[in-house]
Amino acid sequence: MPTCRGCKEEVDALVAVTVEGKKVKLCEDCADRAREEGEVARESESVIQGMMGFKGRR
């Protein structure tokens, strides 16, 4: 049985998710959590850049 790299538990199936530019195989619960954290990080970075008037590429 495969082991999730996030929670270290044995699961039936793993899902490949990109976290901070790296592909990681996680269980479904950990994959959903990682996606949500990534979305929040992108949105907060966008807000901060908007407040600072950043006009660069990203």
PDB file of N, CA and C in Angstrom:
ATOM      1  N   MET A   1       0.841  -1.179   0.000  1.00  0.00           N
ATOM      2  CA  MET A   1       0.000   0.000   0.000  1.00  0.00           C
ATOM      3  C   MET A   1       0.889   1.246   0.000  1.00  0.00           C
ATOM      4  N   PRO A   2       0.528   2.245  -0.808  1.00  0.00           N
ATOM      5  CA  PRO A   2       1.316   3.483  -0.850  1.00  0.00           C
ATOM      6  C   PRO A   2       1.141   4.312   0.416  1.00  0.00           C
ATOM      7  N   THR A   3       2.159   5.100   0.721  1.00  0.00           N
ATOM      8  CA  THR A   3       2.141   5.939   1.916  1.00  0.00           C
ATOM      9  C   THR A   3       2.116   7.407   1.506  1.00  0.00           C
ATOM     10  N   CYS A   4       1.237   8.172   2.125  1.00  0.00           N
ATOM     11  CA  CYS A   4       1.119   9.603   1.857  1.00  0.00           C
ATOM     12  C   CYS A   4       2.326  10.324   2.457  1.00  0.00           C
ATOM     13  N   ARG A   5       2.897  11.255   1.716  1.00  0.00           N
ATOM     14  CA  ARG A   5       4.044  12.010   2.214  1.00  0.00           C
ATOM     15  C   ARG A   5       3.633  13.125   3.167  1.00  0.00           C
ATOM     16  N   GLY A   6       2.376  13.477   3.203  1.00  0.00           N
ATOM     17  CA  GLY A   6       1.899  14.540   4.074  1.00  0.00           C
ATOM     18  C   GLY A   6       1.582  14.038   5.470  1.00  0.00           C
ATOM     19  N   CYS A   7       0.747  13.002   5.552  1.00  0.00           N
ATOM     20  CA  CYS A   7       0.294  12.504   6.857  1.00  0.00           C
ATOM     21  C   CYS A   7       0.965  11.194   7.254  1.00  0.00           C
ATOM     22  N   LYS A   8       1.766  10.621   6.366  1.00  0.00           N
ATOM     23  CA  LYS A   8       2.525   9.389   6.619  1.00  0.00           C
ATOM     24  C   LYS A   8       1.645   8.173   6.893  1.00  0.00           C
ATOM     25  N   GLU A   9       0.420   8.182   6.380  1.00  0.00           N
ATOM     26  CA  GLU A   9      -0.478   7.045   6.563  1.00  0.00           C
ATOM     27  C   GLU A   9      -0.600   6.262   5.263  1.00  0.00           C
ATOM     28  N   GLU A  10      -0.894   4.985   5.378  1.00  0.00           N
ATOM     29  CA  GLU A  10      -1.093   4.152   4.196  1.00  0.00           C
ATOM     30  C   GLU A  10      -2.483   4.417   3.630  1.00  0.00           C
ATOM     31  N   VAL A  11      -2.543   4.597   2.302  1.00  0.00           N
ATOM     32  CA  VAL A  11      -3.805   4.898   1.634  1.00  0.00           C
ATOM     33  C   VAL A  11      -3.965   4.000   0.416  1.00  0.00           C
ATOM     34  N   ASP A  12      -5.173   3.984  -0.134  1.00  0.00           N
ATOM     35  CA  ASP A  12      -5.442   3.164  -1.315  1.00  0.00           C
ATOM     36  C   ASP A  12      -4.844   3.775  -2.578  1.00  0.00           C
ATOM     37  N   ALA A  13      -4.955   5.111  -2.714  1.00  0.00           N
ATOM     38  CA  ALA A  13      -4.465   5.777  -3.925  1.00  0.00           C
ATOM     39  C   ALA A  13      -3.851   7.120  -3.563  1.00  0.00           C
ATOM     40  N   LEU A  14      -2.849   7.520  -4.342  1.00  0.00           N
ATOM     41  CA  LEU A  14      -2.193   8.808  -4.150  1.00  0.00           C
ATOM     42  C   LEU A  14      -2.525   9.724  -5.327  1.00  0.00           C
ATOM     43  N   VAL A  15      -2.503  11.023  -5.071  1.00  0.00           N
ATOM     44  CA  VAL A  15      -2.772  12.034  -6.090  1.00  0.00           C
ATOM     45  C   VAL A  15      -1.523  12.899  -6.216  1.00  0.00           C
ATOM     46  N   ALA A  16      -1.069  13.157  -7.443  1.00  0.00           N
ATOM     47  CA  ALA A  16       0.091  14.011  -7.670  1.00  0.00           C
ATOM     48  C   ALA A  16      -0.356  15.469  -7.662  1.00  0.00           C
ATOM     49  N   VAL A  17       0.265  16.273  -6.786  1.00  0.00           N
ATOM     50  CA  VAL A  17      -0.080  17.683  -6.636  1.00  0.00           C
ATOM     51  C   VAL A  17       1.205  18.499  -6.696  1.00  0.00           C
ATOM     52  N   THR A  18       1.155  19.675  -7.312  1.00  0.00           N
ATOM     53  CA  THR A  18       2.308  20.564  -7.351  1.00  0.00           C
ATOM     54  C   THR A  18       2.242  21.492  -6.151  1.00  0.00           C
ATOM     55  N   VAL A  19       3.269  21.410  -5.283  1.00  0.00           N
ATOM     56  CA  VAL A  19       3.353  22.234  -4.085  1.00  0.00           C
ATOM     57  C   VAL A  19       4.672  22.988  -4.145  1.00  0.00           C
ATOM     58  N   GLU A  20       4.582  24.322  -4.210  1.00  0.00           N
ATOM     59  CA  GLU A  20       5.763  25.177  -4.271  1.00  0.00           C
ATOM     60  C   GLU A  20       6.698  24.779  -5.407  1.00  0.00           C
ATOM     61  N   GLY A  21       6.120  24.440  -6.547  1.00  0.00           N
ATOM     62  CA  GLY A  21       6.901  24.100  -7.720  1.00  0.00           C
ATOM     63  C   GLY A  21       7.395  22.665  -7.796  1.00  0.00           C
ATOM     64  N   LYS A  22       7.056  21.834  -6.812  1.00  0.00           N
ATOM     65  CA  LYS A  22       7.493  20.439  -6.792  1.00  0.00           C
ATOM     66  C   LYS A  22       6.266  19.532  -6.825  1.00  0.00           C
ATOM     67  N   LYS A  23       6.364  18.442  -7.575  1.00  0.00           N
ATOM     68  CA  LYS A  23       5.270  17.465  -7.606  1.00  0.00           C
ATOM     69  C   LYS A  23       5.421  16.529  -6.414  1.00  0.00           C
ATOM     70  N   VAL A  24       4.345  16.382  -5.657  1.00  0.00           N
ATOM     71  CA  VAL A  24       4.328  15.541  -4.472  1.00  0.00           C
ATOM     72  C   VAL A  24       3.110  14.631  -4.557  1.00  0.00           C
ATOM     73  N   LYS A  25       3.277  13.371  -4.170  1.00  0.00           N
ATOM     74  CA  LYS A  25       2.154  12.439  -4.154  1.00  0.00           C
ATOM     75  C   LYS A  25       1.574  12.405  -2.751  1.00  0.00           C
ATOM     76  N   LEU A  26       0.300  12.822  -2.662  1.00  0.00           N
ATOM     77  CA  LEU A  26      -0.393  12.919  -1.386  1.00  0.00           C
ATOM     78  C   LEU A  26      -1.723  12.190  -1.461  1.00  0.00           C
ATOM     79  N   CYS A  27      -2.293  11.894  -0.276  1.00  0.00           N
ATOM     80  CA  CYS A  27      -3.643  11.333  -0.246  1.00  0.00           C
ATOM     81  C   CYS A  27      -4.633  12.438  -0.622  1.00  0.00           C
ATOM     82  N   GLU A  28      -5.865  12.081  -0.841  1.00  0.00           N
ATOM     83  CA  GLU A  28      -6.870  13.043  -1.291  1.00  0.00           C
ATOM     84  C   GLU A  28      -7.058  14.190  -0.295  1.00  0.00           C
ATOM     85  N   ASP A  29      -7.106  13.897   1.007  1.00  0.00           N
ATOM     86  CA  ASP A  29      -7.294  14.939   2.022  1.00  0.00           C
ATOM     87  C   ASP A  29      -6.124  15.913   2.039  1.00  0.00           C
ATOM     88  N   CYS A  30      -4.906  15.394   2.045  1.00  0.00           N
ATOM     89  CA  CYS A  30      -3.716  16.248   2.069  1.00  0.00           C
ATOM     90  C   CYS A  30      -3.604  17.049   0.766  1.00  0.00           C
ATOM     91  N   ALA A  31      -3.997  16.460  -0.361  1.00  0.00           N
ATOM     92  CA  ALA A  31      -3.947  17.145  -1.647  1.00  0.00           C
ATOM     93  C   ALA A  31      -4.910  18.338  -1.654  1.00  0.00           C
ATOM     94  N   ASP A  32      -6.116  18.148  -1.127  1.00  0.00           N
ATOM     95  CA  ASP A  32      -7.078  19.246  -1.051  1.00  0.00           C
ATOM     96  C   ASP A  32      -6.540  20.362  -0.162  1.00  0.00           C
ATOM     97  N   ARG A  33      -5.975  20.006   0.965  1.00  0.00           N
ATOM     98  CA  ARG A  33      -5.408  20.982   1.892  1.00  0.00           C
ATOM     99  C   ARG A  33      -4.271  21.760   1.224  1.00  0.00           C
ATOM    100  N   ALA A  34      -3.398  21.071   0.495  1.00  0.00           N
ATOM    101  CA  ALA A  34      -2.273  21.713  -0.179  1.00  0.00           C
ATOM    102  C   ALA A  34      -2.761  22.669  -1.266  1.00  0.00           C
ATOM    103  N   ARG A  35      -3.800  22.282  -2.003  1.00  0.00           N
ATOM    104  CA  ARG A  35      -4.362  23.165  -3.036  1.00  0.00           C
ATOM    105  C   ARG A  35      -4.924  24.435  -2.417  1.00  0.00           C
ATOM    106  N   GLU A  36      -5.662  24.283  -1.314  1.00  0.00           N
ATOM    107  CA  GLU A  36      -6.250  25.445  -0.643  1.00  0.00           C
ATOM    108  C   GLU A  36      -5.167  26.379  -0.122  1.00  0.00           C
ATOM    109  N   GLU A  37      -4.117  25.829   0.482  1.00  0.00           N
ATOM    110  CA  GLU A  37      -3.028  26.653   0.996  1.00  0.00           C
ATOM    111  C   GLU A  37      -2.328  27.400  -0.132  1.00  0.00           C
ATOM    112  N   GLY A  38      -2.165  26.750  -1.277  1.00  0.00           N
ATOM    113  CA  GLY A  38      -1.545  27.394  -2.431  1.00  0.00           C
ATOM    114  C   GLY A  38      -2.382  28.545  -2.962  1.00  0.00           C
ATOM    115  N   GLU A  39      -3.700  28.348  -3.020  1.00  0.00           N
ATOM    116  CA  GLU A  39      -4.594  29.397  -3.498  1.00  0.00           C
ATOM    117  C   GLU A  39      -4.567  30.599  -2.562  1.00  0.00           C
ATOM    118  N   VAL A  40      -4.602  30.353  -1.257  1.00  0.00           N
ATOM    119  CA  VAL A  40      -4.571  31.440  -0.277  1.00  0.00           C
ATOM    120  C   VAL A  40      -3.257  32.206  -0.381  1.00  0.00           C
ATOM    121  N   ALA A  41      -2.150  31.495  -0.537  1.00  0.00           N
ATOM    122  CA  ALA A  41      -0.840  32.150  -0.651  1.00  0.00           C
ATOM    123  C   ALA A  41      -0.781  33.029  -1.900  1.00  0.00           C
ATOM    124  N   ARG A  42      -1.294  32.533  -3.032  1.00  0.00           N
ATOM    125  CA  ARG A  42      -1.280  33.335  -4.266  1.00  0.00           C
ATOM    126  C   ARG A  42      -2.145  34.578  -4.122  1.00  0.00           C
ATOM    127  N   GLU A  43      -3.334  34.422  -3.536  1.00  0.00           N
ATOM    128  CA  GLU A  43      -4.232  35.567  -3.376  1.00  0.00           C
ATOM    129  C   GLU A  43      -3.642  36.613  -2.439  1.00  0.00           C
ATOM    130  N   SER A  44      -3.054  36.179  -1.339  1.00  0.00           N
ATOM    131  CA  SER A  44      -2.492  37.133  -0.394  1.00  0.00           C
ATOM    132  C   SER A  44      -1.282  37.845  -0.996  1.00  0.00           C
ATOM    133  N   GLU A  45      -0.477  37.132  -1.778  1.00  0.00           N
ATOM    134  CA  GLU A  45       0.660  37.765  -2.435  1.00  0.00           C
ATOM    135  C   GLU A  45       0.176  38.821  -3.424  1.00  0.00           C
ATOM    136  N   SER A  46      -0.891  38.524  -4.140  1.00  0.00           N
ATOM    137  CA  SER A  46      -1.450  39.467  -5.098  1.00  0.00           C
ATOM    138  C   SER A  46      -1.947  40.728  -4.405  1.00  0.00           C
ATOM    139  N   VAL A  47      -2.608  40.573  -3.273  1.00  0.00           N
ATOM    140  CA  VAL A  47      -3.125  41.719  -2.527  1.00  0.00           C
ATOM    141  C   VAL A  47      -1.975  42.586  -2.034  1.00  0.00           C
ATOM    142  N   ILE A  48      -0.947  41.976  -1.475  1.00  0.00           N
ATOM    143  CA  ILE A  48       0.204  42.721  -0.967  1.00  0.00           C
ATOM    144  C   ILE A  48       0.894  43.463  -2.103  1.00  0.00           C
ATOM    145  N   GLN A  49       1.079  42.808  -3.248  1.00  0.00           N
ATOM    146  CA  GLN A  49       1.716  43.466  -4.384  1.00  0.00           C
ATOM    147  C   GLN A  49       0.869  44.630  -4.884  1.00  0.00           C
ATOM    148  N   GLY A  50      -0.435  44.475  -4.857  1.00  0.00           N
ATOM    149  CA  GLY A  50      -1.324  45.559  -5.268  1.00  0.00           C
ATOM    150  C   GLY A  50      -1.224  46.756  -4.336  1.00  0.00           C
ATOM    151  N   MET A  51      -1.123  46.499  -3.043  1.00  0.00           N
ATOM    152  CA  MET A  51      -1.001  47.584  -2.071  1.00  0.00           C
ATOM    153  C   MET A  51       0.313  48.331  -2.240  1.00  0.00           C
ATOM    154  N   MET A  52       1.360  47.610  -2.625  1.00  0.00           N
ATOM    155  CA  MET A  52       2.675  48.221  -2.764  1.00  0.00           C
ATOM    156  C   MET A  52       2.885  48.814  -4.158  1.00  0.00           C
ATOM    157  N   GLY A  53       1.943  48.612  -5.069  1.00  0.00           N
ATOM    158  CA  GLY A  53       2.059  49.157  -6.408  1.00  0.00           C
ATOM    159  C   GLY A  53       3.040  48.386  -7.287  1.00  0.00           C
ATOM    160  N   PHE A  54       3.243  47.113  -7.001  1.00  0.00           N
ATOM    161  CA  PHE A  54       4.169  46.288  -7.771  1.00  0.00           C
ATOM    162  C   PHE A  54       3.614  46.038  -9.162  1.00  0.00           C
ATOM    163  N   LYS A  55       4.407  46.336 -10.187  1.00  0.00           N
ATOM    164  CA  LYS A  55       3.939  46.170 -11.555  1.00  0.00           C
ATOM    165  C   LYS A  55       4.792  45.179 -12.317  1.00  0.00           C
ATOM    166  N   GLY A  56       5.565  44.350 -11.627  1.00  0.00           N
ATOM    167  CA  GLY A  56       6.444  43.388 -12.262  1.00  0.00           C
ATOM    168  C   GLY A  56       5.711  42.145 -12.735  1.00  0.00           C
ATOM    169  N   ARG A  57       6.469  41.162 -13.122  1.00  0.00           N
ATOM    170  CA  ARG A  57       5.913  39.909 -13.629  1.00  0.00           C
ATOM    171  C   ARG A  57       5.770  38.912 -12.497  1.00  0.00           C
ATOM    172  N   ARG A  58       4.731  38.096 -12.615  1.00  0.00           N
ATOM    173  CA  ARG A  58       4.550  36.986 -11.677  1.00  0.00           C
ATOM    174  C   ARG A  58       3.450  36.126 -12.142  1.00  0.00           C
TER     175      ARG A  58
END
